[in-house]
Amino acid sequence: MRKLVLQDIMSLGAYEAVRNDFKKKIIDLKRDRRIGLGEILTLIFENRETVKLQIQEMMRVEHIYDDKKIQDEINIYNALIPGPGELSATLLIEITDEKKIKPLLDSLIGLDNGKSVYFKIGETKVFAVFEEGHSEATKISAVHYVRFIFSPESIAAWKEGNEDVLLVADHPNYHAECRIKDEARLSLAGDWSEAGI
């Protein structure tokens, strides 16, 4: 999937004129790309359009007009756009009860070990690769950036639709799985189609 460049980003004035329609379009797009995994994990799968909205909103909130500063935002957010054969997501640990935040987060230390979150297509597992720097040996962040790197065979199996696709969290203190619905499966497969895969 192509990364964003400065020319892809609207000026604040141009964005303001289309903001409501653009946000509605991305909210509709995200509906199929937001996947709950049990009670407290949510993965929001990113692509060029979802990332573009984040940049445009950041510019709006921070009043960023300078091309160099806009390019800095593009450089940061482009890391969320999946590469060839990948899916990329923001993983949220959503805990609403303030008293439970620390104990629940502490119980999830090690979630980012490389084996705890994965897609299962038939018997094949595609594990999440967590961006470094969001946890330590004694604490874990509530927000993570993950990517799943698929083999051509896994992509073909996903697209053919003959096997269920499950998203799984398998941690000593948290287990959940969900079947990926057809709408989400098609939307996410579109990321590979855009990349010519």
Foldseek 3Di string as FASTA:
>chain_A
DDADDLVVADALVVCVVCVVVLVVVVVVLQVLQWDDWPDFKIKGWDARSVLNNVLSVVCVVVVDHDSVVSVVSSVVSSVQHDDAQKIKIKMFGHDDPPVCVFVVQQLCPCLQVFPFKWKQWPNDTFTWHWDPDQADNRGGHRIIMTMTHHDPVRLVSLVVPPTWIKIWGHDPRDTGIDTNDPSSSVSRNVSNVVVVD
